[in-house]
Amino acid sequence: MIRKNIIISIVLLTIFFTSCKDEGIYWGKTNYYENFLFVKYKPVIMEQTLIFEFNEDAQNFLDSNVEFEVVKKNENGDIEIAQDIILYKNNEKCENNILSIHKEDKEVSIGIEFTDKARYGTHTLFLREKGISGIDRIDYQELGTGLCVIKTKKTNPLLIGFIWFLIILLGICIVWIILIKPLVYESFKVKQLIITTDRFRSLKIRACKKVVCSKKNQKQSFVNQLFTGKIVFVHDDFFTDDLIITPRDKKRVRIKMPSGFESTSNTVTIGETMTITNTLVSPNKSAIIQIN
């Protein structure tokens, strides 16, 4: 009995292909990134088209499918099954990563997807006939140099956007704190404020934005102080309602007195004193305010 010489020619469509640093025919590239918040990595299937041309003997006498497996060279140069890819035929996963080609297949879309275990960098893969498929020779004219697929590590696009948002926000905060805040929130130019009730208090107020005298024990948050300026609080039962002291100019401060407080003026100049009377307390008590 005469043995039939069945030949399959496998041709790779290379219209848009380029060489891959002599690693093989460029097949595709995956930009892999870690999941971040609601933006998850979507696996990329790198697809190209192979044309399978069966000769007349194959068309007439080849009954079974021709099967191919994907192999690669390991670090020792030995050929092994590629375990870090998923193989697709016409958008369908190949069972056990085996590409099964029927003699009626002409143009076949072959897809390669990296698994999470695949290392970053260039991978050179080969299609190798699996077992004995009933053919005598396969013409690897275009595939002999291997298929070059690349996996690169990128930063999650949402993370990139988030980082840029933080950079811009930080820049705005710096501009606000250094340039805009001094214009919006005026600060004291005088160095020292003295308040005398039953007790004597000497307060350093330069660069602060105001002084609040109150019977309440109040505090200012760090964020408020950073973005609006420092507030100096004076806790004393004499001030039954909040009395506010703010800058007026380089030599004066302004006093905003609540209802029930009396004074001869609403400003204090360097070297002068002001006496404030609280008519709501009995017996009447006074406070003296002076700036240096």
C-alpha atoms as a PDB file:
ATOM      1  CA  MET A   1       0.000   0.000   0.000  1.00  0.00           C
ATOM      2  CA  ILE A   2       1.335   3.390  -0.984  1.00  0.00           C
ATOM      3  CA  ARG A   3       1.717   5.780   1.911  1.00  0.00           C
ATOM      4  CA  LYS A   4       0.132   9.129   1.285  1.00  0.00           C
ATOM      5  CA  ASN A   5       2.284  12.282   1.739  1.00  0.00           C
ATOM      6  CA  ILE A   6      -0.115  14.646   3.486  1.00  0.00           C
ATOM      7  CA  ILE A   7       1.171  18.201   3.854  1.00  0.00           C
ATOM      8  CA  ILE A   8      -0.263  21.126   5.754  1.00  0.00           C
ATOM      9  CA  SER A   9       1.125  24.582   5.113  1.00  0.00           C
ATOM     10  CA  ILE A  10       0.636  27.010   7.997  1.00  0.00           C
ATOM     11  CA  VAL A  11       0.821  30.647   6.973  1.00  0.00           C
ATOM     12  CA  LEU A  12       0.757  33.517   9.440  1.00  0.00           C
ATOM     13  CA  LEU A  13      -0.905  36.737   8.276  1.00  0.00           C
ATOM     14  CA  THR A  14       1.877  39.282   8.850  1.00  0.00           C
ATOM     15  CA  ILE A  15       0.456  42.412   7.283  1.00  0.00           C
ATOM     16  CA  PHE A  16       0.728  44.403  10.526  1.00  0.00           C
ATOM     17  CA  PHE A  17       3.435  42.326  12.197  1.00  0.00           C
ATOM     18  CA  THR A  18       6.907  43.467  13.164  1.00  0.00           C
ATOM     19  CA  SER A  19       9.933  41.564  14.402  1.00  0.00           C
ATOM     20  CA  CYS A  20      10.318  41.213  18.156  1.00  0.00           C
ATOM     21  CA  LYS A  21      14.020  41.805  18.795  1.00  0.00           C
ATOM     22  CA  ASP A  22      14.880  38.569  16.967  1.00  0.00           C
ATOM     23  CA  GLU A  23      12.779  36.648  19.526  1.00  0.00           C
ATOM     24  CA  GLY A  24      10.255  35.594  16.886  1.00  0.00           C
ATOM     25  CA  ILE A  25       7.227  36.940  15.063  1.00  0.00           C
ATOM     26  CA  TYR A  26       5.468  39.612  17.098  1.00  0.00           C
ATOM     27  CA  TRP A  27       2.097  38.276  18.202  1.00  0.00           C
ATOM     28  CA  GLY A  28       0.817  40.716  20.811  1.00  0.00           C
ATOM     29  CA  LYS A  29       1.362  42.636  24.025  1.00  0.00           C
ATOM     30  CA  THR A  30      -0.440  42.715  27.380  1.00  0.00           C
ATOM     31  CA  ASN A  31      -0.252  45.706  29.717  1.00  0.00           C
ATOM     32  CA  TYR A  32      -0.952  44.093  33.081  1.00  0.00           C
ATOM     33  CA  TYR A  33      -1.820  46.090  36.211  1.00  0.00           C
ATOM     34  CA  GLU A  34      -2.932  45.310  39.756  1.00  0.00           C
ATOM     35  CA  ASN A  35      -6.562  45.834  40.756  1.00  0.00           C
ATOM     36  CA  PHE A  36      -7.297  49.136  42.486  1.00  0.00           C
ATOM     37  CA  LEU A  37     -10.701  49.989  43.993  1.00  0.00           C
ATOM     38  CA  PHE A  38     -13.378  49.440  41.341  1.00  0.00           C
ATOM     39  CA  VAL A  39     -11.021  49.329  38.334  1.00  0.00           C
ATOM     40  CA  LYS A  40     -10.087  45.693  37.823  1.00  0.00           C
ATOM     41  CA  TYR A  41      -7.665  44.256  35.300  1.00  0.00           C
ATOM     42  CA  LYS A  42      -9.441  42.674  32.335  1.00  0.00           C
ATOM     43  CA  PRO A  43      -7.489  39.835  30.704  1.00  0.00           C
ATOM     44  CA  VAL A  44      -6.251  40.645  27.205  1.00  0.00           C
ATOM     45  CA  ILE A  45      -6.539  38.051  24.479  1.00  0.00           C
ATOM     46  CA  MET A  46      -3.834  38.667  21.874  1.00  0.00           C
ATOM     47  CA  GLU A  47      -5.342  37.482  18.605  1.00  0.00           C
ATOM     48  CA  GLN A  48      -3.907  36.878  15.155  1.00  0.00           C
ATOM     49  CA  THR A  49      -5.065  34.828  12.197  1.00  0.00           C
ATOM     50  CA  LEU A  50      -3.490  31.644  10.843  1.00  0.00           C
ATOM     51  CA  ILE A  51      -4.303  30.226   7.410  1.00  0.00           C
ATOM     52  CA  PHE A  52      -4.176  26.428   7.194  1.00  0.00           C
ATOM     53  CA  GLU A  53      -3.737  25.044   3.668  1.00  0.00           C
ATOM     54  CA  PHE A  54      -4.282  21.294   3.344  1.00  0.00           C
ATOM     55  CA  ASN A  55      -3.002  19.655   0.143  1.00  0.00           C
ATOM     56  CA  GLU A  56      -5.148  17.381  -1.984  1.00  0.00           C
ATOM     57  CA  ASP A  57      -4.053  14.199  -0.205  1.00  0.00           C
ATOM     58  CA  ALA A  58      -4.957  15.732   3.129  1.00  0.00           C
ATOM     59  CA  GLN A  59      -8.331  16.800   1.833  1.00  0.00           C
ATOM     60  CA  ASN A  60      -9.044  13.276   0.597  1.00  0.00           C
ATOM     61  CA  PHE A  61      -7.464  11.024   3.213  1.00  0.00           C
ATOM     62  CA  LEU A  62      -7.047  12.938   6.495  1.00  0.00           C
ATOM     63  CA  ASP A  63      -9.896  11.816   8.760  1.00  0.00           C
ATOM     64  CA  SER A  64      -8.757  13.051  12.156  1.00  0.00           C
ATOM     65  CA  ASN A  65      -7.991  16.579  13.373  1.00  0.00           C
ATOM     66  CA  VAL A  66      -4.446  17.855  13.546  1.00  0.00           C
ATOM     67  CA  GLU A  67      -3.602  18.874  17.093  1.00  0.00           C
ATOM     68  CA  PHE A  68      -1.025  21.410  18.258  1.00  0.00           C
ATOM     69  CA  GLU A  69       0.253  22.237  21.700  1.00  0.00           C
ATOM     70  CA  VAL A  70       2.003  25.433  22.790  1.00  0.00           C
ATOM     71  CA  VAL A  71       5.574  24.943  23.981  1.00  0.00           C
ATOM     72  CA  LYS A  72       8.387  27.247  25.048  1.00  0.00           C
ATOM     73  CA  LYS A  73      12.020  27.062  26.066  1.00  0.00           C
ATOM     74  CA  ASN A  74      12.740  27.118  29.778  1.00  0.00           C
ATOM     75  CA  GLU A  75      15.762  28.736  31.432  1.00  0.00           C
ATOM     76  CA  ASN A  76      17.847  25.648  30.667  1.00  0.00           C
ATOM     77  CA  GLY A  77      16.974  25.780  26.975  1.00  0.00           C
ATOM     78  CA  ASP A  78      14.745  22.699  27.197  1.00  0.00           C
ATOM     79  CA  ILE A  79      11.348  22.600  25.476  1.00  0.00           C
ATOM     80  CA  GLU A  80       8.375  22.340  27.826  1.00  0.00           C
ATOM     81  CA  ILE A  81       4.627  22.853  27.716  1.00  0.00           C
ATOM     82  CA  ALA A  82       3.685  26.504  28.221  1.00  0.00           C
ATOM     83  CA  GLN A  83       1.732  26.509  31.486  1.00  0.00           C
ATOM     84  CA  ASP A  84       1.370  30.281  31.844  1.00  0.00           C
ATOM     85  CA  ILE A  85      -0.906  30.975  28.864  1.00  0.00           C
ATOM     86  CA  ILE A  86      -4.473  30.200  27.838  1.00  0.00           C
ATOM     87  CA  LEU A  87      -5.068  29.284  24.196  1.00  0.00           C
ATOM     88  CA  TYR A  88      -8.157  30.292  22.195  1.00  0.00           C
ATOM     89  CA  LYS A  89      -9.499  29.217  18.844  1.00  0.00           C
ATOM     90  CA  ASN A  90     -12.062  31.557  17.256  1.00  0.00           C
ATOM     91  CA  ASN A  91     -12.727  33.187  20.663  1.00  0.00           C
ATOM     92  CA  GLU A  92     -13.328  29.829  22.355  1.00  0.00           C
ATOM     93  CA  LYS A  93     -10.964  28.345  24.944  1.00  0.00           C
ATOM     94  CA  CYS A  94      -9.074  25.345  23.697  1.00  0.00           C
ATOM     95  CA  GLU A  95      -9.572  22.312  25.903  1.00  0.00           C
ATOM     96  CA  ASN A  96      -6.316  21.534  27.735  1.00  0.00           C
ATOM     97  CA  ASN A  97      -4.660  24.262  25.623  1.00  0.00           C
ATOM     98  CA  ILE A  98      -4.706  21.966  22.592  1.00  0.00           C
ATOM     99  CA  LEU A  99      -5.353  23.612  19.212  1.00  0.00           C
ATOM    100  CA  SER A 100      -7.398  21.204  17.119  1.00  0.00           C
ATOM    101  CA  ILE A 101      -7.469  21.917  13.360  1.00  0.00           C
ATOM    102  CA  HIS A 102      -9.854  20.223  10.957  1.00  0.00           C
ATOM    103  CA  LYS A 103      -9.073  19.890   7.261  1.00  0.00           C
ATOM    104  CA  GLU A 104     -11.979  22.229   6.518  1.00  0.00           C
ATOM    105  CA  ASP A 105     -10.480  24.987   8.694  1.00  0.00           C
ATOM    106  CA  LYS A 106      -9.079  27.740   6.510  1.00  0.00           C
ATOM    107  CA  GLU A 107      -8.651  30.997   8.420  1.00  0.00           C
ATOM    108  CA  VAL A 108      -8.476  30.447  12.174  1.00  0.00           C
ATOM    109  CA  SER A 109      -8.273  33.198  14.790  1.00  0.00           C
ATOM    110  CA  ILE A 110      -5.748  32.138  17.421  1.00  0.00           C
ATOM    111  CA  GLY A 111      -5.789  33.933  20.772  1.00  0.00           C
ATOM    112  CA  ILE A 112      -3.189  33.841  23.529  1.00  0.00           C
ATOM    113  CA  GLU A 113      -3.898  35.090  27.055  1.00  0.00           C
ATOM    114  CA  PHE A 114      -1.400  35.306  29.909  1.00  0.00           C
ATOM    115  CA  THR A 115      -2.284  33.805  33.263  1.00  0.00           C
ATOM    116  CA  ASP A 116      -1.539  35.744  36.460  1.00  0.00           C
ATOM    117  CA  LYS A 117       1.504  33.493  37.014  1.00  0.00           C
ATOM    118  CA  ALA A 118       3.187  34.548  33.770  1.00  0.00           C
ATOM    119  CA  ARG A 119       6.380  36.511  34.361  1.00  0.00           C
ATOM    120  CA  TYR A 120       6.855  39.993  32.971  1.00  0.00           C
ATOM    121  CA  GLY A 121       8.886  40.338  29.801  1.00  0.00           C
ATOM    122  CA  THR A 122       9.105  38.633  26.406  1.00  0.00           C
ATOM    123  CA  HIS A 123       7.871  35.078  25.874  1.00  0.00           C
ATOM    124  CA  THR A 124       8.696  33.057  22.748  1.00  0.00           C
ATOM    125  CA  LEU A 125       6.145  30.324  22.082  1.00  0.00           C
ATOM    126  CA  PHE A 126       5.989  27.566  19.476  1.00  0.00           C
ATOM    127  CA  LEU A 127       3.114  25.545  18.012  1.00  0.00           C
ATOM    128  CA  ARG A 128       4.166  21.897  18.048  1.00  0.00           C
ATOM    129  CA  GLU A 129       2.271  18.960  16.609  1.00  0.00           C
ATOM    130  CA  LYS A 130       0.916  16.832  19.441  1.00  0.00           C
ATOM    131  CA  GLY A 131       1.439  13.113  19.049  1.00  0.00           C
ATOM    132  CA  ILE A 132       0.911  11.530  15.645  1.00  0.00           C
ATOM    133  CA  SER A 133      -1.975  13.171  13.821  1.00  0.00           C
ATOM    134  CA  GLY A 134      -1.766  11.134  10.658  1.00  0.00           C
ATOM    135  CA  ILE A 135       0.373  13.558   8.697  1.00  0.00           C
ATOM    136  CA  ASP A 136       3.919  13.088   7.445  1.00  0.00           C
ATOM    137  CA  ARG A 137       5.121  16.655   7.502  1.00  0.00           C
ATOM    138  CA  ILE A 138       4.007  20.089   8.643  1.00  0.00           C
ATOM    139  CA  ASP A 139       5.458  23.107   6.883  1.00  0.00           C
ATOM    140  CA  TYR A 140       6.439  25.666   9.579  1.00  0.00           C
ATOM    141  CA  GLN A 141       7.598  28.272   7.087  1.00  0.00           C
ATOM    142  CA  GLU A 142       6.344  31.202   9.151  1.00  0.00           C
ATOM    143  CA  LEU A 143       6.296  29.717  12.658  1.00  0.00           C
ATOM    144  CA  GLY A 144       9.759  28.260  12.911  1.00  0.00           C
ATOM    145  CA  THR A 145      11.121  31.338  14.656  1.00  0.00           C
ATOM    146  CA  GLY A 146       8.401  31.248  17.291  1.00  0.00           C
ATOM    147  CA  LEU A 147       5.634  33.583  18.380  1.00  0.00           C
ATOM    148  CA  CYS A 148       6.678  36.595  20.428  1.00  0.00           C
ATOM    149  CA  VAL A 149       4.235  37.707  23.146  1.00  0.00           C
ATOM    150  CA  ILE A 150       5.057  40.396  25.728  1.00  0.00           C
ATOM    151  CA  LYS A 151       3.739  41.025  29.230  1.00  0.00           C
ATOM    152  CA  THR A 152       4.509  44.434  30.724  1.00  0.00           C
ATOM    153  CA  LYS A 153       3.618  45.791  34.146  1.00  0.00           C
ATOM    154  CA  LYS A 154       1.715  49.057  34.216  1.00  0.00           C
ATOM    155  CA  THR A 155       0.136  51.116  36.961  1.00  0.00           C
ATOM    156  CA  ASN A 156      -3.629  50.868  37.361  1.00  0.00           C
ATOM    157  CA  PRO A 157      -5.128  53.818  35.403  1.00  0.00           C
ATOM    158  CA  LEU A 158      -7.377  54.729  38.338  1.00  0.00           C
ATOM    159  CA  LEU A 159      -4.352  54.738  40.640  1.00  0.00           C
ATOM    160  CA  ILE A 160      -2.535  57.031  38.198  1.00  0.00           C
ATOM    161  CA  GLY A 161      -5.531  59.383  38.191  1.00  0.00           C
ATOM    162  CA  PHE A 162      -5.723  59.226  41.978  1.00  0.00           C
ATOM    163  CA  ILE A 163      -2.007  60.044  42.330  1.00  0.00           C
ATOM    164  CA  TRP A 164      -2.342  63.006  39.949  1.00  0.00           C
ATOM    165  CA  PHE A 165      -5.388  64.193  41.879  1.00  0.00           C
ATOM    166  CA  LEU A 166      -3.364  64.101  45.107  1.00  0.00           C
ATOM    167  CA  ILE A 167      -0.466  65.945  43.454  1.00  0.00           C
ATOM    168  CA  ILE A 168      -2.777  68.679  42.149  1.00  0.00           C
ATOM    169  CA  LEU A 169      -4.599  68.880  45.478  1.00  0.00           C
ATOM    170  CA  LEU A 170      -1.286  69.157  47.329  1.00  0.00           C
ATOM    171  CA  GLY A 171      -0.171  71.911  44.945  1.00  0.00           C
ATOM    172  CA  ILE A 172      -3.404  73.829  45.527  1.00  0.00           C
ATOM    173  CA  CYS A 173      -3.000  73.463  49.287  1.00  0.00           C
ATOM    174  CA  ILE A 174       0.579  74.739  49.165  1.00  0.00           C
ATOM    175  CA  VAL A 175      -0.427  77.746  47.038  1.00  0.00           C
ATOM    176  CA  TRP A 176      -3.325  78.440  49.419  1.00  0.00           C
ATOM    177  CA  ILE A 177      -1.215  78.201  52.576  1.00  0.00           C
ATOM    178  CA  ILE A 178       1.745  80.216  51.283  1.00  0.00           C
ATOM    179  CA  LEU A 179       0.162  82.792  48.966  1.00  0.00           C
ATOM    180  CA  ILE A 180      -3.600  83.075  49.405  1.00  0.00           C
ATOM    181  CA  LYS A 181      -4.212  82.465  53.108  1.00  0.00           C
ATOM    182  CA  PRO A 182      -2.243  85.561  54.260  1.00  0.00           C
ATOM    183  CA  LEU A 183      -4.416  87.686  51.953  1.00  0.00           C
ATOM    184  CA  VAL A 184      -7.730  86.189  53.077  1.00  0.00           C
ATOM    185  CA  TYR A 185      -6.993  85.824  56.791  1.00  0.00           C
ATOM    186  CA  GLU A 186      -5.102  88.807  58.158  1.00  0.00           C
ATOM    187  CA  SER A 187      -2.728  88.079  61.024  1.00  0.00           C
ATOM    188  CA  PHE A 188      -1.453  90.167  63.939  1.00  0.00           C
ATOM    189  CA  LYS A 189       1.628  92.314  63.336  1.00  0.00           C
ATOM    190  CA  VAL A 190       1.962  93.176  67.029  1.00  0.00           C
ATOM    191  CA  LYS A 191       3.996  90.801  69.125  1.00  0.00           C
ATOM    192  CA  GLN A 192       2.334  90.586  72.538  1.00  0.00           C
ATOM    193  CA  LEU A 193      -1.128  90.955  74.037  1.00  0.00           C
ATOM    194  CA  ILE A 194      -1.651  91.394  77.787  1.00  0.00           C
ATOM    195  CA  ILE A 195      -5.044  90.625  79.364  1.00  0.00           C
ATOM    196  CA  THR A 196      -5.587  91.237  83.057  1.00  0.00           C
ATOM    197  CA  THR A 197      -8.696  90.122  84.924  1.00  0.00           C
ATOM    198  CA  ASP A 198      -8.257  88.365  88.254  1.00  0.00           C
ATOM    199  CA  ARG A 199      -5.200  86.897  86.601  1.00  0.00           C
ATOM    200  CA  PHE A 200      -2.404  88.271  84.453  1.00  0.00           C
ATOM    201  CA  ARG A 201      -1.889  86.772  80.987  1.00  0.00           C
ATOM    202  CA  SER A 202       0.816  87.602  78.474  1.00  0.00           C
ATOM    203  CA  LEU A 203       0.034  86.104  75.049  1.00  0.00           C
ATOM    204  CA  LYS A 204       2.289  85.893  71.989  1.00  0.00           C
ATOM    205  CA  ILE A 205      -0.030  86.655  69.098  1.00  0.00           C
ATOM    206  CA  ARG A 206       2.194  87.612  66.147  1.00  0.00           C
ATOM    207  CA  ALA A 207       1.128  85.692  62.980  1.00  0.00           C
ATOM    208  CA  CYS A 208      -2.113  84.571  64.704  1.00  0.00           C
ATOM    209  CA  LYS A 209      -5.419  85.606  63.126  1.00  0.00           C
ATOM    210  CA  LYS A 210      -7.480  86.319  66.256  1.00  0.00           C
ATOM    211  CA  VAL A 211      -7.878  85.966  70.014  1.00  0.00           C
ATOM    212  CA  VAL A 212     -11.084  84.555  71.498  1.00  0.00           C
ATOM    213  CA  CYS A 213     -11.824  85.306  75.166  1.00  0.00           C
ATOM    214  CA  SER A 214     -14.523  83.026  76.546  1.00  0.00           C
ATOM    215  CA  LYS A 215     -15.655  81.204  79.651  1.00  0.00           C
ATOM    216  CA  LYS A 216     -15.766  78.072  77.464  1.00  0.00           C
ATOM    217  CA  ASN A 217     -12.708  75.909  77.100  1.00  0.00           C
ATOM    218  CA  GLN A 218     -12.288  75.880  73.317  1.00  0.00           C
ATOM    219  CA  LYS A 219      -9.732  74.306  71.000  1.00  0.00           C
ATOM    220  CA  GLN A 220      -8.866  74.673  67.329  1.00  0.00           C
ATOM    221  CA  SER A 221      -8.328  71.706  65.043  1.00  0.00           C
ATOM    222  CA  PHE A 222      -5.004  71.279  63.266  1.00  0.00           C
ATOM    223  CA  VAL A 223      -6.637  71.385  59.809  1.00  0.00           C
ATOM    224  CA  ASN A 224      -8.491  74.615  60.613  1.00  0.00           C
ATOM    225  CA  GLN A 225      -5.294  76.191  61.931  1.00  0.00           C
ATOM    226  CA  LEU A 226      -3.316  75.060  58.873  1.00  0.00           C
ATOM    227  CA  PHE A 227      -5.741  76.484  56.315  1.00  0.00           C
ATOM    228  CA  THR A 228      -7.190  79.526  58.097  1.00  0.00           C
ATOM    229  CA  GLY A 229      -4.569  80.596  60.644  1.00  0.00           C
ATOM    230  CA  LYS A 230      -4.007  80.147  64.358  1.00  0.00           C
ATOM    231  CA  ILE A 231      -6.563  81.225  66.979  1.00  0.00           C
ATOM    232  CA  VAL A 232      -5.453  81.999  70.544  1.00  0.00           C
ATOM    233  CA  PHE A 233      -8.049  81.098  73.180  1.00  0.00           C
ATOM    234  CA  VAL A 234      -8.311  82.742  76.597  1.00  0.00           C
ATOM    235  CA  HIS A 235     -10.405  80.848  79.151  1.00  0.00           C
ATOM    236  CA  ASP A 236     -11.796  83.077  81.939  1.00  0.00           C
ATOM    237  CA  ASP A 237     -15.158  83.224  83.739  1.00  0.00           C
ATOM    238  CA  PHE A 238     -15.103  87.016  83.362  1.00  0.00           C
ATOM    239  CA  PHE A 239     -16.029  86.654  79.701  1.00  0.00           C
ATOM    240  CA  THR A 240     -19.622  85.456  79.985  1.00  0.00           C
ATOM    241  CA  ASP A 241     -19.872  85.735  76.209  1.00  0.00           C
ATOM    242  CA  ASP A 242     -17.176  85.507  73.537  1.00  0.00           C
ATOM    243  CA  LEU A 243     -15.026  88.613  73.124  1.00  0.00           C
ATOM    244  CA  ILE A 244     -13.084  88.668  69.853  1.00  0.00           C
ATOM    245  CA  ILE A 245      -9.798  90.470  69.241  1.00  0.00           C
ATOM    246  CA  THR A 246      -8.624  90.793  65.617  1.00  0.00           C
ATOM    247  CA  PRO A 247      -5.840  92.685  63.767  1.00  0.00           C
ATOM    248  CA  ARG A 248      -6.480  96.305  62.764  1.00  0.00           C
ATOM    249  CA  ASP A 249      -3.104  97.381  61.399  1.00  0.00           C
ATOM    250  CA  LYS A 250       0.576  97.165  62.336  1.00  0.00           C
ATOM    251  CA  LYS A 251       0.089  99.022  65.619  1.00  0.00           C
ATOM    252  CA  ARG A 252      -3.527  98.386  66.589  1.00  0.00           C
ATOM    253  CA  VAL A 253      -5.952  95.586  67.334  1.00  0.00           C
ATOM    254  CA  ARG A 254      -9.736  95.633  67.088  1.00  0.00           C
ATOM    255  CA  ILE A 255     -12.027  94.549  69.952  1.00  0.00           C
ATOM    256  CA  LYS A 256     -15.442  93.104  69.146  1.00  0.00           C
ATOM    257  CA  MET A 257     -17.426  93.116  72.380  1.00  0.00           C
ATOM    258  CA  PRO A 258     -20.595  91.111  72.934  1.00  0.00           C
ATOM    259  CA  SER A 259     -23.778  92.431  74.536  1.00  0.00           C
ATOM    260  CA  GLY A 260     -23.321  93.461  78.197  1.00  0.00           C
ATOM    261  CA  PHE A 261     -19.703  94.629  77.829  1.00  0.00           C
ATOM    262  CA  GLU A 262     -18.742  98.298  77.845  1.00  0.00           C
ATOM    263  CA  SER A 263     -15.561 100.121  76.853  1.00  0.00           C
ATOM    264  CA  THR A 264     -14.438 103.579  75.843  1.00  0.00           C
ATOM    265  CA  SER A 265     -13.057 102.374  72.507  1.00  0.00           C
ATOM    266  CA  ASN A 266     -13.098  99.402  70.194  1.00  0.00           C
ATOM    267  CA  THR A 267      -9.357  99.517  69.362  1.00  0.00           C
ATOM    268  CA  VAL A 268      -6.138  99.325  71.324  1.00  0.00           C
ATOM    269  CA  THR A 269      -2.855 100.901  70.160  1.00  0.00           C
ATOM    270  CA  ILE A 270       0.658  99.818  71.135  1.00  0.00           C
ATOM    271  CA  GLY A 271       1.552 101.277  74.510  1.00  0.00           C
ATOM    272  CA  GLU A 272      -2.068 102.047  75.454  1.00  0.00           C
ATOM    273  CA  THR A 273      -4.495 100.168  77.673  1.00  0.00           C
ATOM    274  CA  MET A 274      -8.218  99.536  77.437  1.00  0.00           C
ATOM    275  CA  THR A 275     -10.560  98.830  80.320  1.00  0.00           C
ATOM    276  CA  ILE A 276     -13.549  96.591  79.661  1.00  0.00           C
ATOM    277  CA  THR A 277     -16.488  96.320  82.053  1.00  0.00           C
ATOM    278  CA  ASN A 278     -18.870  93.400  82.199  1.00  0.00           C
ATOM    279  CA  THR A 279     -22.240  94.750  83.372  1.00  0.00           C
ATOM    280  CA  LEU A 280     -23.722  91.266  83.614  1.00  0.00           C
ATOM    281  CA  VAL A 281     -21.665  90.123  86.587  1.00  0.00           C
ATOM    282  CA  SER A 282     -22.178  91.315  90.169  1.00  0.00           C
ATOM    283  CA  PRO A 283     -20.284  93.033  91.601  1.00  0.00           C
ATOM    284  CA  ASN A 284     -19.078  94.652  88.377  1.00  0.00           C
ATOM    285  CA  LYS A 285     -15.664  93.473  87.300  1.00  0.00           C
ATOM    286  CA  SER A 286     -13.241  94.963  84.806  1.00  0.00           C
ATOM    287  CA  ALA A 287     -10.591  93.615  82.474  1.00  0.00           C
ATOM    288  CA  ILE A 288      -7.596  95.514  81.162  1.00  0.00           C
ATOM    289  CA  ILE A 289      -6.237  94.842  77.666  1.00  0.00           C
ATOM    290  CA  GLN A 290      -2.837  96.104  76.496  1.00  0.00           C
ATOM    291  CA  ILE A 291      -0.599  95.335  73.512  1.00  0.00           C
ATOM    292  CA  ASN A 292       3.163  95.573  73.193  1.00  0.00           C
END
